[in-house]
Amino acid sequence: MPVVDYVAAEFAGQVDVIAVAWASSYEKTASAARGFLTSGATRWLLDDSVFADFEVTSQPVGVFTIGGVEVRRWFGALPEQEIRQLFADAVA
C-alpha cells in the first residue's frame, strides 16, 4: 500500500485512491493508515461491505476501477512502474 500511496500523490487531483480495511477495529485501521498512507493522497475507510461487493475473500488485494467498472485486480504487491502505468492509462 505504501507504493500505491506514493504513486497516488503523483496523480493527486486526477485519480481517487481509497484504501479499504476490513475485519479490524477502527483504532487499528487508523493506526495502520497513519503508518502506511503518509502522502495524504490516499483516503481510507473501514467497510466490510466493499469486500463483498467486489467478491474479495483475502487481503492484500488491489481493485482498480474506472467509472465504477473494474479494469484490473491483483493480489499482493505490484511493481511501482506497473501501478504508475495503471494510473497514467486511467487519466490518458
C-alpha atoms as a PDB file:
ATOM      1  CA  MET A   1       0.000   0.000   0.000  1.00  0.00           C
ATOM      2  CA  PRO A   2       2.818   2.496   0.602  1.00  0.00           C
ATOM      3  CA  VAL A   3       3.809   2.282  -3.090  1.00  0.00           C
ATOM      4  CA  VAL A   4       0.212   2.857  -4.211  1.00  0.00           C
ATOM      5  CA  ASP A   5       0.039   5.856  -1.868  1.00  0.00           C
ATOM      6  CA  TYR A   6       3.323   7.226  -3.243  1.00  0.00           C
ATOM      7  CA  VAL A   7       2.062   6.987  -6.837  1.00  0.00           C
ATOM      8  CA  ALA A   8      -1.337   8.381  -5.802  1.00  0.00           C
ATOM      9  CA  ALA A   9       0.430  11.550  -4.655  1.00  0.00           C
ATOM     10  CA  GLU A  10       1.846  11.994  -8.170  1.00  0.00           C
ATOM     11  CA  PHE A  11      -1.671  11.757  -9.625  1.00  0.00           C
ATOM     12  CA  ALA A  12      -3.438  13.799  -6.934  1.00  0.00           C
ATOM     13  CA  GLY A  13      -6.471  15.560  -8.362  1.00  0.00           C
ATOM     14  CA  GLN A  14      -6.616  13.137 -11.298  1.00  0.00           C
ATOM     15  CA  VAL A  15      -7.190   9.760  -9.628  1.00  0.00           C
ATOM     16  CA  ASP A  16      -9.041   8.967  -6.390  1.00  0.00           C
ATOM     17  CA  VAL A  17      -7.378   6.284  -4.290  1.00  0.00           C
ATOM     18  CA  ILE A  18      -9.229   4.719  -1.390  1.00  0.00           C
ATOM     19  CA  ALA A  19      -7.730   2.090   0.900  1.00  0.00           C
ATOM     20  CA  VAL A  20     -10.387  -0.104   2.468  1.00  0.00           C
ATOM     21  CA  ALA A  21      -9.795  -2.285   5.511  1.00  0.00           C
ATOM     22  CA  TRP A  22     -11.997  -4.990   6.975  1.00  0.00           C
ATOM     23  CA  ALA A  23     -12.159  -7.350   9.933  1.00  0.00           C
ATOM     24  CA  SER A  24     -10.417  -4.882  12.196  1.00  0.00           C
ATOM     25  CA  SER A  25     -11.198  -2.181  14.704  1.00  0.00           C
ATOM     26  CA  TYR A  26     -11.376   1.474  13.776  1.00  0.00           C
ATOM     27  CA  GLU A  27      -8.408   2.208  16.054  1.00  0.00           C
ATOM     28  CA  LYS A  28      -6.178  -0.446  14.451  1.00  0.00           C
ATOM     29  CA  THR A  29      -7.182   0.689  10.972  1.00  0.00           C
ATOM     30  CA  ALA A  30      -6.471   4.338  11.797  1.00  0.00           C
ATOM     31  CA  SER A  31      -3.076   3.420  13.222  1.00  0.00           C
ATOM     32  CA  ALA A  32      -2.148   1.377  10.140  1.00  0.00           C
ATOM     33  CA  ALA A  33      -3.336   4.162   7.832  1.00  0.00           C
ATOM     34  CA  ARG A  34      -1.133   6.701   9.613  1.00  0.00           C
ATOM     35  CA  GLY A  35       1.860   4.403   9.098  1.00  0.00           C
ATOM     36  CA  PHE A  36       1.218   3.303   5.512  1.00  0.00           C
ATOM     37  CA  LEU A  37      -0.562   6.252   3.904  1.00  0.00           C
ATOM     38  CA  THR A  38       1.780   9.133   4.583  1.00  0.00           C
ATOM     39  CA  SER A  39       1.266  11.245   1.439  1.00  0.00           C
ATOM     40  CA  GLY A  40      -2.235  12.399   2.291  1.00  0.00           C
ATOM     41  CA  ALA A  41      -3.325  11.464  -1.250  1.00  0.00           C
ATOM     42  CA  THR A  42      -4.999   8.189  -0.276  1.00  0.00           C
ATOM     43  CA  ARG A  43      -8.237   8.173   1.672  1.00  0.00           C
ATOM     44  CA  TRP A  44      -9.023   5.182   3.852  1.00  0.00           C
ATOM     45  CA  LEU A  45     -12.064   3.613   5.448  1.00  0.00           C
ATOM     46  CA  LEU A  46     -13.168   0.546   7.363  1.00  0.00           C
ATOM     47  CA  ASP A  47     -16.004  -1.148   5.464  1.00  0.00           C
ATOM     48  CA  ASP A  48     -16.685  -4.871   5.273  1.00  0.00           C
ATOM     49  CA  SER A  49     -19.391  -4.451   2.620  1.00  0.00           C
ATOM     50  CA  VAL A  50     -16.959  -3.265  -0.065  1.00  0.00           C
ATOM     51  CA  PHE A  51     -15.189  -6.615   0.048  1.00  0.00           C
ATOM     52  CA  ALA A  52     -18.465  -8.465  -0.514  1.00  0.00           C
ATOM     53  CA  ASP A  53     -19.414  -6.070  -3.319  1.00  0.00           C
ATOM     54  CA  PHE A  54     -16.178  -6.886  -5.166  1.00  0.00           C
ATOM     55  CA  GLU A  55     -16.157 -10.569  -4.097  1.00  0.00           C
ATOM     56  CA  VAL A  56     -12.826 -10.204  -2.313  1.00  0.00           C
ATOM     57  CA  THR A  57     -12.039 -13.050   0.075  1.00  0.00           C
ATOM     58  CA  SER A  58      -8.492 -12.224   1.184  1.00  0.00           C
ATOM     59  CA  GLN A  59      -6.035  -9.384   1.583  1.00  0.00           C
ATOM     60  CA  PRO A  60      -3.948  -7.717   0.326  1.00  0.00           C
ATOM     61  CA  VAL A  61      -5.790  -7.099  -2.916  1.00  0.00           C
ATOM     62  CA  GLY A  62      -5.996  -4.167  -5.283  1.00  0.00           C
ATOM     63  CA  VAL A  63      -9.049  -3.447  -7.401  1.00  0.00           C
ATOM     64  CA  PHE A  64      -8.646  -0.711  -9.998  1.00  0.00           C
ATOM     65  CA  THR A  65     -11.868   0.746 -11.346  1.00  0.00           C
ATOM     66  CA  ILE A  66     -12.664   3.445 -13.871  1.00  0.00           C
ATOM     67  CA  GLY A  67     -16.158   4.872 -13.739  1.00  0.00           C
ATOM     68  CA  GLY A  68     -17.216   2.083 -11.388  1.00  0.00           C
ATOM     69  CA  VAL A  69     -16.084  -0.648 -13.793  1.00  0.00           C
ATOM     70  CA  GLU A  70     -13.311  -2.995 -12.701  1.00  0.00           C
ATOM     71  CA  VAL A  71     -10.381  -2.904 -15.117  1.00  0.00           C
ATOM     72  CA  ARG A  72      -7.690  -4.704 -13.095  1.00  0.00           C
ATOM     73  CA  ARG A  73      -7.442  -6.831  -9.965  1.00  0.00           C
ATOM     74  CA  TRP A  74      -4.284  -8.053  -8.273  1.00  0.00           C
ATOM     75  CA  PHE A  75      -3.306  -9.881  -5.123  1.00  0.00           C
ATOM     76  CA  GLY A  76      -0.198  -8.937  -3.211  1.00  0.00           C
ATOM     77  CA  ALA A  77       2.124  -6.197  -4.374  1.00  0.00           C
ATOM     78  CA  LEU A  78       2.659  -4.799  -7.862  1.00  0.00           C
ATOM     79  CA  PRO A  79       5.863  -3.131  -9.009  1.00  0.00           C
ATOM     80  CA  GLU A  80       5.761   0.658  -8.744  1.00  0.00           C
ATOM     81  CA  GLN A  81       6.082   1.101 -12.513  1.00  0.00           C
ATOM     82  CA  GLU A  82       3.053  -1.113 -13.136  1.00  0.00           C
ATOM     83  CA  ILE A  83       0.948   0.898 -10.682  1.00  0.00           C
ATOM     84  CA  ARG A  84       2.144   4.143 -12.259  1.00  0.00           C
ATOM     85  CA  GLN A  85       1.149   2.822 -15.703  1.00  0.00           C
ATOM     86  CA  LEU A  86      -2.357   1.912 -14.459  1.00  0.00           C
ATOM     87  CA  PHE A  87      -2.819   5.470 -13.219  1.00  0.00           C
ATOM     88  CA  ALA A  88      -1.356   7.005 -16.380  1.00  0.00           C
ATOM     89  CA  ASP A  89      -3.654   4.912 -18.587  1.00  0.00           C
ATOM     90  CA  ALA A  90      -6.649   5.964 -16.499  1.00  0.00           C
ATOM     91  CA  VAL A  91      -6.015   9.677 -16.986  1.00  0.00           C
ATOM     92  CA  ALA A  92      -4.925   9.467 -20.642  1.00  0.00           C
END
